[in-house]
Amino acid sequence: MDKITKVDIITRKTNFEELKTALAEIGVMGMTVTQVVGCGTQQGDIKYYRGVPMEVKLLPKIKIEIVVYEVPVEKVVETAIKVLRTGEIGDGKIFVYDVQQVIKVRTGATGREALINE
């Protein structure tokens, strides 16, 4: 089986459309997007509700999951960093994993064949 890699990107919601466009330009066709909450080194934020400060421990983010097998993983990561980096806390994280197996439930196809749309 040829190498298949999963890339998870967690970042601010405001960057999603620009990231999606940039990834499409390099050939990334499919992704799974989830709205998530969490905290990293910033450990939350102070928001004001009707003038009263409230500590928000978990911040809203977006998680983009991409399975890569044709576009080089390095290109996906470089593109994401180029779009997402502001230099501020909260830019996000990128996680890269090796995928051991992919199975298309409908057809039983495995490996790269499971990722091809037929």
C-alpha atoms as a PDB file:
ATOM      1  CA  MET A   1       0.000   0.000   0.000  1.00  0.00           C
ATOM      2  CA  ASP A   2       1.300   3.456  -0.868  1.00  0.00           C
ATOM      3  CA  LYS A   3       1.737   5.878   2.003  1.00  0.00           C
ATOM      4  CA  ILE A   4      -1.437   7.557   3.235  1.00  0.00           C
ATOM      5  CA  THR A   5      -1.229  10.365   5.786  1.00  0.00           C
ATOM      6  CA  LYS A   6      -3.798  12.178   7.884  1.00  0.00           C
ATOM      7  CA  VAL A   7      -3.364  15.854   8.684  1.00  0.00           C
ATOM      8  CA  ASP A   8      -5.438  17.464  11.457  1.00  0.00           C
ATOM      9  CA  ILE A   9      -5.478  21.253  11.607  1.00  0.00           C
ATOM     10  CA  ILE A  10      -7.010  23.047  14.597  1.00  0.00           C
ATOM     11  CA  THR A  11      -7.342  26.804  14.223  1.00  0.00           C
ATOM     12  CA  ARG A  12      -9.647  29.820  14.477  1.00  0.00           C
ATOM     13  CA  LYS A  13     -12.946  29.674  12.619  1.00  0.00           C
ATOM     14  CA  THR A  14     -12.208  32.974  10.894  1.00  0.00           C
ATOM     15  CA  ASN A  15      -9.432  31.410   8.803  1.00  0.00           C
ATOM     16  CA  PHE A  16     -11.417  28.502   7.383  1.00  0.00           C
ATOM     17  CA  GLU A  17     -12.584  29.872   4.012  1.00  0.00           C
ATOM     18  CA  GLU A  18      -9.121  31.155   3.102  1.00  0.00           C
ATOM     19  CA  LEU A  19      -7.557  27.845   4.156  1.00  0.00           C
ATOM     20  CA  LYS A  20     -10.111  25.811   2.188  1.00  0.00           C
ATOM     21  CA  THR A  21      -9.426  27.875  -0.948  1.00  0.00           C
ATOM     22  CA  ALA A  22      -5.642  27.576  -0.570  1.00  0.00           C
ATOM     23  CA  LEU A  23      -5.853  23.790  -0.047  1.00  0.00           C
ATOM     24  CA  ALA A  24      -8.090  23.392  -3.112  1.00  0.00           C
ATOM     25  CA  GLU A  25      -5.508  25.309  -5.169  1.00  0.00           C
ATOM     26  CA  ILE A  26      -2.835  22.696  -4.319  1.00  0.00           C
ATOM     27  CA  GLY A  27      -5.157  19.771  -5.097  1.00  0.00           C
ATOM     28  CA  VAL A  28      -6.715  18.854  -1.754  1.00  0.00           C
ATOM     29  CA  MET A  29     -10.232  17.776  -2.662  1.00  0.00           C
ATOM     30  CA  GLY A  30     -11.767  16.290   0.470  1.00  0.00           C
ATOM     31  CA  MET A  31     -11.832  17.229   4.116  1.00  0.00           C
ATOM     32  CA  THR A  32     -13.893  16.742   7.243  1.00  0.00           C
ATOM     33  CA  VAL A  33     -14.600  19.880   9.261  1.00  0.00           C
ATOM     34  CA  THR A  34     -15.770  19.929  12.875  1.00  0.00           C
ATOM     35  CA  GLN A  35     -16.506  22.802  15.217  1.00  0.00           C
ATOM     36  CA  VAL A  36     -14.625  22.113  18.450  1.00  0.00           C
ATOM     37  CA  VAL A  37     -13.767  23.857  21.708  1.00  0.00           C
ATOM     38  CA  GLY A  38     -10.522  23.652  23.601  1.00  0.00           C
ATOM     39  CA  CYS A  39      -7.602  25.459  25.129  1.00  0.00           C
ATOM     40  CA  GLY A  40      -3.876  25.318  24.728  1.00  0.00           C
ATOM     41  CA  THR A  41      -1.240  27.538  26.232  1.00  0.00           C
ATOM     42  CA  GLN A  42      -3.635  30.484  26.290  1.00  0.00           C
ATOM     43  CA  GLN A  43      -5.829  28.691  28.881  1.00  0.00           C
ATOM     44  CA  GLY A  44      -9.013  30.506  27.893  1.00  0.00           C
ATOM     45  CA  ASP A  45      -9.957  34.147  27.695  1.00  0.00           C
ATOM     46  CA  ILE A  46     -11.942  36.824  29.534  1.00  0.00           C
ATOM     47  CA  LYS A  47     -15.215  37.792  27.809  1.00  0.00           C
ATOM     48  CA  TYR A  48     -17.683  40.384  28.999  1.00  0.00           C
ATOM     49  CA  TYR A  49     -21.396  39.642  29.242  1.00  0.00           C
ATOM     50  CA  ARG A  50     -23.498  42.688  30.081  1.00  0.00           C
ATOM     51  CA  GLY A  51     -20.446  44.347  31.563  1.00  0.00           C
ATOM     52  CA  VAL A  52     -19.575  41.437  33.831  1.00  0.00           C
ATOM     53  CA  PRO A  53     -16.232  39.698  33.165  1.00  0.00           C
ATOM     54  CA  MET A  54     -16.596  35.963  32.599  1.00  0.00           C
ATOM     55  CA  GLU A  55     -13.689  33.571  32.190  1.00  0.00           C
ATOM     56  CA  VAL A  56     -14.093  31.327  29.157  1.00  0.00           C
ATOM     57  CA  LYS A  57     -11.902  28.253  29.655  1.00  0.00           C
ATOM     58  CA  LEU A  58     -12.628  26.563  26.315  1.00  0.00           C
ATOM     59  CA  LEU A  59     -12.363  28.613  23.139  1.00  0.00           C
ATOM     60  CA  PRO A  60     -14.242  27.859  19.913  1.00  0.00           C
ATOM     61  CA  LYS A  61     -12.011  26.476  17.162  1.00  0.00           C
ATOM     62  CA  ILE A  62     -12.413  24.523  13.963  1.00  0.00           C
ATOM     63  CA  LYS A  63     -10.787  21.158  13.224  1.00  0.00           C
ATOM     64  CA  ILE A  64     -10.019  20.244   9.618  1.00  0.00           C
ATOM     65  CA  GLU A  65      -9.157  16.595   8.935  1.00  0.00           C
ATOM     66  CA  ILE A  66      -7.507  15.756   5.614  1.00  0.00           C
ATOM     67  CA  VAL A  67      -6.362  12.393   4.276  1.00  0.00           C
ATOM     68  CA  VAL A  68      -3.400  12.936   1.963  1.00  0.00           C
ATOM     69  CA  TYR A  69      -2.153  10.444  -0.604  1.00  0.00           C
ATOM     70  CA  GLU A  70      -1.506  12.395  -3.817  1.00  0.00           C
ATOM     71  CA  VAL A  71      -0.549  15.898  -2.697  1.00  0.00           C
ATOM     72  CA  PRO A  72       2.747  15.920  -0.749  1.00  0.00           C
ATOM     73  CA  VAL A  73       2.123  16.242   2.999  1.00  0.00           C
ATOM     74  CA  GLU A  74       4.817  18.915   3.251  1.00  0.00           C
ATOM     75  CA  LYS A  75       2.917  21.056   0.731  1.00  0.00           C
ATOM     76  CA  VAL A  76      -0.317  20.723   2.739  1.00  0.00           C
ATOM     77  CA  VAL A  77       1.476  21.736   5.958  1.00  0.00           C
ATOM     78  CA  GLU A  78       3.333  24.644   4.302  1.00  0.00           C
ATOM     79  CA  THR A  79       0.088  25.933   2.776  1.00  0.00           C
ATOM     80  CA  ALA A  80      -1.753  25.749   6.104  1.00  0.00           C
ATOM     81  CA  ILE A  81       1.044  27.563   7.935  1.00  0.00           C
ATOM     82  CA  LYS A  82       1.203  30.256   5.236  1.00  0.00           C
ATOM     83  CA  VAL A  83      -2.536  30.939   5.583  1.00  0.00           C
ATOM     84  CA  LEU A  84      -2.895  30.548   9.355  1.00  0.00           C
ATOM     85  CA  ARG A  85       0.247  32.088  10.877  1.00  0.00           C
ATOM     86  CA  THR A  86      -0.304  35.516  12.415  1.00  0.00           C
ATOM     87  CA  GLY A  87       2.328  35.198  15.117  1.00  0.00           C
ATOM     88  CA  GLU A  88      -0.324  35.512  17.806  1.00  0.00           C
ATOM     89  CA  ILE A  89      -1.322  32.940  20.421  1.00  0.00           C
ATOM     90  CA  GLY A  90      -4.217  30.878  19.076  1.00  0.00           C
ATOM     91  CA  ASP A  91      -2.974  30.404  15.492  1.00  0.00           C
ATOM     92  CA  GLY A  92      -3.518  26.685  16.038  1.00  0.00           C
ATOM     93  CA  LYS A  93      -1.787  23.349  15.734  1.00  0.00           C
ATOM     94  CA  ILE A  94      -1.160  20.853  12.927  1.00  0.00           C
ATOM     95  CA  PHE A  95      -0.916  17.132  13.657  1.00  0.00           C
ATOM     96  CA  VAL A  96       0.401  14.634  11.083  1.00  0.00           C
ATOM     97  CA  TYR A  97      -0.324  10.882  11.382  1.00  0.00           C
ATOM     98  CA  ASP A  98       0.465   7.804   9.335  1.00  0.00           C
ATOM     99  CA  VAL A  99      -2.715   5.966   8.269  1.00  0.00           C
ATOM    100  CA  GLN A 100      -2.435   2.204   8.577  1.00  0.00           C
ATOM    101  CA  GLN A 101      -5.485   1.284   6.512  1.00  0.00           C
ATOM    102  CA  VAL A 102      -8.446   2.825   4.710  1.00  0.00           C
ATOM    103  CA  ILE A 103     -11.568   0.811   3.865  1.00  0.00           C
ATOM    104  CA  LYS A 104     -14.479   2.074   1.773  1.00  0.00           C
ATOM    105  CA  VAL A 105     -17.523   0.579   3.483  1.00  0.00           C
ATOM    106  CA  ARG A 106     -19.764   0.605   0.382  1.00  0.00           C
ATOM    107  CA  THR A 107     -17.408  -1.364  -1.879  1.00  0.00           C
ATOM    108  CA  GLY A 108     -14.898  -2.988   0.451  1.00  0.00           C
ATOM    109  CA  ALA A 109     -12.043  -1.310  -1.447  1.00  0.00           C
ATOM    110  CA  THR A 110      -8.902  -0.799   0.630  1.00  0.00           C
ATOM    111  CA  GLY A 111      -5.863   1.477   0.573  1.00  0.00           C
ATOM    112  CA  ARG A 112      -5.692   4.164  -2.106  1.00  0.00           C
ATOM    113  CA  GLU A 113      -8.586   2.512  -4.005  1.00  0.00           C
ATOM    114  CA  ALA A 114     -10.834   3.329  -1.029  1.00  0.00           C
ATOM    115  CA  LEU A 115     -10.021   7.033  -1.453  1.00  0.00           C
ATOM    116  CA  ILE A 116     -10.761   7.215  -5.188  1.00  0.00           C
ATOM    117  CA  ASN A 117     -14.227   8.479  -6.048  1.00  0.00           C
ATOM    118  CA  GLU A 118     -15.817   6.117  -8.540  1.00  0.00           C
END
